[in-house]
Amino acid sequence: MSDFPQLLDPQAEEEYEIESTEGGIWTGSRLFVGVVTMAWSGVAFAYFYLRAIDRSGQWDPHHLTPPPVIGTLIAVCVLLGAFTLEYGRRQLLRGLRFEWLTAAWLTVLFGVIAGGLQIWQLTRLPFYPGEYGYTSVFIGFAPLNVAMVLGGAYWAETLAARSVRLRTELGADVNLADSGHAAARHLRASLAGCNFYWWFMVLASLLFWILFYVVD
């Protein structure tokens, strides 16, 4: 019974709400990566299944591939986006706001470039969408990759924009690295989730780059 009044303390309730939101952001971001994993798993399953059951040489008889240079540039942009976001996160935790914002906007730029290159690549394919098994799987992969990469860029953009807004709301002297304000803590939690998502995208990009441009 001695702890009951403490539960009614407004400051304790506020702290509980902030921690609950932080936990929700952490869980939600990981669940989102799980959903994305299921989407990529569908593409990977189609790739390996159609290739395994091919008995008539219709998987990729002419060894047709999308422009490999563009595909490699897409993967490199995703990798650079993850590196710059990781760098920006570390700078934010050190209290270096300018470096964090610069890295965040660079991540957005790399994401937009990667998505744009993927769309441009679709206009330069040396095959028809349903011509062979390989081409069908690639056509399923490419739009999904555009959505995932641009989605990561949008996530990073919202974090950068929120940082700029917090500078106005909380003041230029507030250190987002150790501020106990709810908005600053939620920003750090969301940034950790976004960073986790980008590194997952690096693994996915590397896997499908190998499958579409190296193996075939």
Protein backbone atom coordinates (compact mmCIF):
# COMPACT_ATOMS: atom_id res chain seq x y z
CA MET A 1 0.00 0.00 0.00
CA SER A 2 2.94 2.32 0.58
CA ASP A 3 3.69 2.31 -3.15
CA PHE A 4 0.16 3.21 -4.20
CA PRO A 5 0.50 7.01 -3.80
CA GLN A 6 3.65 6.89 -5.88
CA LEU A 7 1.65 5.48 -8.79
CA LEU A 8 -0.48 8.61 -8.72
CA ASP A 9 2.51 10.92 -8.83
CA PRO A 10 2.21 12.94 -12.10
CA GLN A 11 5.96 12.86 -12.64
CA ALA A 12 6.09 9.08 -12.25
CA GLU A 13 3.14 8.65 -14.59
CA GLU A 14 4.80 10.86 -17.19
CA GLU A 15 8.01 8.83 -16.95
CA TYR A 16 6.02 5.63 -17.32
CA GLU A 17 4.31 6.95 -20.46
CA ILE A 18 7.62 8.03 -21.98
CA GLU A 19 9.22 4.65 -21.29
CA SER A 20 6.18 2.85 -22.66
CA THR A 21 6.37 4.86 -25.88
CA GLU A 22 10.09 4.14 -26.16
CA GLY A 23 9.39 0.44 -25.75
CA GLY A 24 6.62 0.65 -28.33
CA ILE A 25 8.95 2.32 -30.83
CA TRP A 26 11.61 -0.35 -30.24
CA THR A 27 9.13 -3.20 -30.62
CA GLY A 28 7.32 -1.64 -33.57
CA SER A 29 10.52 -1.04 -35.53
CA ARG A 30 11.62 -4.64 -35.04
CA LEU A 31 8.20 -5.94 -35.99
CA PHE A 32 8.35 -3.79 -39.11
CA VAL A 33 11.66 -5.37 -40.04
CA GLY A 34 9.99 -8.74 -39.50
CA VAL A 35 7.21 -7.81 -41.93
CA VAL A 36 9.80 -6.65 -44.45
CA THR A 37 11.66 -9.93 -43.97
CA MET A 38 8.51 -11.84 -44.87
CA ALA A 39 8.14 -9.78 -48.05
CA TRP A 40 11.74 -10.44 -49.06
CA SER A 41 11.31 -14.10 -48.14
CA GLY A 42 8.58 -14.36 -50.77
CA VAL A 43 10.97 -13.12 -53.45
CA ALA A 44 13.76 -15.41 -52.26
CA PHE A 45 11.41 -18.41 -52.15
CA ALA A 46 10.20 -17.72 -55.69
CA TYR A 47 13.81 -17.44 -56.87
CA PHE A 48 15.03 -20.70 -55.38
CA TYR A 49 11.83 -22.65 -56.01
CA LEU A 50 11.45 -21.75 -59.68
CA ARG A 51 15.12 -22.34 -60.28
CA ALA A 52 15.03 -25.72 -58.50
CA ILE A 53 12.04 -27.08 -60.45
CA ASP A 54 13.29 -25.90 -63.83
CA ARG A 55 13.60 -29.01 -65.99
CA SER A 56 13.10 -27.50 -69.43
CA GLY A 57 15.76 -24.78 -69.35
CA GLN A 58 13.27 -21.94 -69.00
CA TRP A 59 14.76 -20.34 -65.91
CA ASP A 60 17.20 -18.12 -67.82
CA PRO A 61 18.24 -19.85 -71.04
CA HIS A 62 19.94 -16.81 -72.55
CA HIS A 63 21.53 -15.60 -69.29
CA LEU A 64 19.75 -12.28 -69.50
CA THR A 65 20.36 -9.91 -66.60
CA PRO A 66 19.39 -6.32 -65.86
CA PRO A 67 22.16 -3.75 -66.38
CA PRO A 68 24.70 -4.91 -63.76
CA VAL A 69 26.33 -1.50 -63.32
CA ILE A 70 23.02 0.04 -62.27
CA GLY A 71 22.32 -2.89 -59.95
CA THR A 72 25.70 -2.51 -58.31
CA LEU A 73 25.21 1.24 -57.87
CA ILE A 74 21.87 0.57 -56.15
CA ALA A 75 23.49 -1.79 -53.66
CA VAL A 76 26.34 0.67 -53.05
CA CYS A 77 23.88 3.50 -52.38
CA VAL A 78 22.04 1.38 -49.83
CA LEU A 79 25.35 0.55 -48.14
CA LEU A 80 26.40 4.21 -48.09
CA GLY A 81 23.01 5.19 -46.70
CA ALA A 82 23.41 2.75 -43.82
CA PHE A 83 26.96 3.92 -43.09
CA THR A 84 26.02 7.59 -43.08
CA LEU A 85 23.01 6.99 -40.84
CA GLU A 86 25.17 4.98 -38.43
CA TYR A 87 27.69 7.81 -38.42
CA GLY A 88 24.94 10.36 -37.85
CA ARG A 89 23.48 8.36 -34.96
CA ARG A 90 26.87 8.23 -33.27
CA GLN A 91 27.32 11.97 -33.74
CA LEU A 92 23.88 12.68 -32.30
CA LEU A 93 24.73 10.63 -29.21
CA ARG A 94 27.88 12.74 -28.88
CA GLY A 95 25.78 15.90 -28.99
CA LEU A 96 26.96 16.99 -32.46
CA ARG A 97 23.73 18.17 -34.04
CA PHE A 98 25.14 19.55 -37.30
CA GLU A 99 27.04 16.37 -38.11
CA TRP A 100 23.95 14.30 -37.34
CA LEU A 101 21.72 16.36 -39.61
CA THR A 102 24.27 16.31 -42.43
CA ALA A 103 24.52 12.54 -42.23
CA ALA A 104 20.74 12.14 -42.03
CA TRP A 105 20.15 14.21 -45.17
CA LEU A 106 22.90 12.28 -46.96
CA THR A 107 21.09 9.06 -46.04
CA VAL A 108 17.91 10.47 -47.55
CA LEU A 109 19.85 11.40 -50.70
CA PHE A 110 21.37 7.93 -51.03
CA GLY A 111 17.96 6.35 -50.57
CA VAL A 112 16.34 8.53 -53.21
CA ILE A 113 19.21 7.84 -55.63
CA ALA A 114 18.92 4.09 -55.04
CA GLY A 115 15.16 4.15 -55.61
CA GLY A 116 15.54 6.32 -58.70
CA LEU A 117 18.20 4.02 -60.15
CA GLN A 118 15.96 1.02 -59.57
CA ILE A 119 13.10 2.69 -61.43
CA TRP A 120 15.43 3.77 -64.23
CA GLN A 121 16.76 0.22 -64.49
CA LEU A 122 13.23 -1.04 -65.13
CA THR A 123 13.14 1.09 -68.29
CA ARG A 124 16.31 -0.55 -69.63
CA LEU A 125 15.67 -4.24 -69.18
CA PRO A 126 16.83 -6.53 -72.00
CA PHE A 127 13.85 -8.85 -71.46
CA TYR A 128 10.07 -8.87 -71.07
CA PRO A 129 8.62 -9.20 -67.55
CA GLY A 130 7.24 -12.73 -67.89
CA GLU A 131 9.67 -14.06 -70.48
CA TYR A 132 11.41 -16.57 -68.20
CA GLY A 133 11.43 -17.59 -64.55
CA TYR A 134 14.37 -15.34 -63.74
CA THR A 135 12.78 -12.31 -65.37
CA SER A 136 9.49 -12.85 -63.54
CA VAL A 137 11.20 -12.98 -60.16
CA PHE A 138 13.23 -9.88 -60.91
CA ILE A 139 10.11 -7.94 -61.88
CA GLY A 140 8.63 -8.94 -58.53
CA PHE A 141 11.79 -7.88 -56.73
CA ALA A 142 12.38 -4.46 -58.30
CA PRO A 143 9.17 -2.61 -57.25
CA LEU A 144 9.46 -4.06 -53.76
CA ASN A 145 13.04 -2.82 -53.54
CA VAL A 146 11.94 0.65 -54.62
CA ALA A 147 9.30 0.73 -51.88
CA MET A 148 11.68 -0.51 -49.19
CA VAL A 149 14.53 1.83 -50.07
CA LEU A 150 12.33 4.90 -50.44
CA GLY A 151 10.55 3.93 -47.24
CA GLY A 152 13.90 3.95 -45.42
CA ALA A 153 14.73 7.32 -46.95
CA TYR A 154 11.38 8.72 -45.81
CA TRP A 155 11.97 7.41 -42.29
CA ALA A 156 15.37 9.12 -42.15
CA GLU A 157 13.83 12.32 -43.54
CA THR A 158 11.19 12.43 -40.81
CA LEU A 159 13.91 12.05 -38.16
CA ALA A 160 15.97 14.87 -39.66
CA ALA A 161 12.92 17.12 -39.91
CA ARG A 162 11.94 16.31 -36.32
CA SER A 163 15.43 17.24 -35.14
CA VAL A 164 15.12 20.63 -36.82
CA ARG A 165 11.70 21.15 -35.25
CA LEU A 166 12.98 20.18 -31.80
CA ARG A 167 15.70 22.79 -32.12
CA THR A 168 12.92 25.39 -32.31
CA GLU A 169 10.69 23.84 -29.67
CA LEU A 170 13.31 22.98 -27.05
CA GLY A 171 15.91 25.61 -27.86
CA ALA A 172 19.22 25.53 -29.66
CA ASP A 173 21.13 24.80 -26.45
CA VAL A 174 19.29 21.56 -25.70
CA ASN A 175 21.49 18.52 -26.22
CA LEU A 176 19.45 15.82 -27.93
CA ALA A 177 21.99 13.22 -26.84
CA ASP A 178 21.06 13.29 -23.16
CA SER A 179 17.91 15.39 -22.99
CA GLY A 180 15.22 13.84 -20.82
CA HIS A 181 12.46 15.54 -22.79
CA ALA A 182 9.93 13.06 -24.17
CA ALA A 183 10.34 14.22 -27.78
CA ALA A 184 14.15 13.88 -27.62
CA ARG A 185 13.96 10.40 -26.10
CA HIS A 186 11.44 9.28 -28.69
CA LEU A 187 13.67 10.67 -31.43
CA ARG A 188 16.62 8.62 -30.20
CA ALA A 189 14.48 5.48 -30.00
CA SER A 190 13.12 5.96 -33.52
CA LEU A 191 16.61 6.65 -34.84
CA ALA A 192 17.84 3.37 -33.38
CA GLY A 193 14.99 1.56 -35.15
CA CYS A 194 15.68 3.32 -38.44
CA ASN A 195 19.36 2.47 -38.17
CA PHE A 196 18.49 -1.18 -37.56
CA TYR A 197 16.23 -1.14 -40.63
CA TRP A 198 18.94 0.29 -42.88
CA TRP A 199 21.47 -2.35 -41.87
CA PHE A 200 18.86 -4.99 -42.59
CA MET A 201 18.41 -3.45 -46.03
CA VAL A 202 22.16 -3.76 -46.57
CA LEU A 203 21.94 -7.51 -45.96
CA ALA A 204 18.93 -7.83 -48.27
CA SER A 205 20.61 -5.77 -51.00
CA LEU A 206 23.78 -7.84 -50.80
CA LEU A 207 21.82 -11.10 -50.99
CA PHE A 208 19.77 -10.12 -54.03
CA TRP A 209 22.73 -8.48 -55.74
CA ILE A 210 24.50 -11.84 -55.55
CA LEU A 211 21.43 -13.74 -56.75
CA PHE A 212 20.55 -11.49 -59.68
CA TYR A 213 23.97 -10.30 -60.85
CA VAL A 214 26.58 -12.83 -59.70
CA VAL A 215 24.91 -16.24 -59.69
CA ASP A 216 23.14 -15.67 -62.97
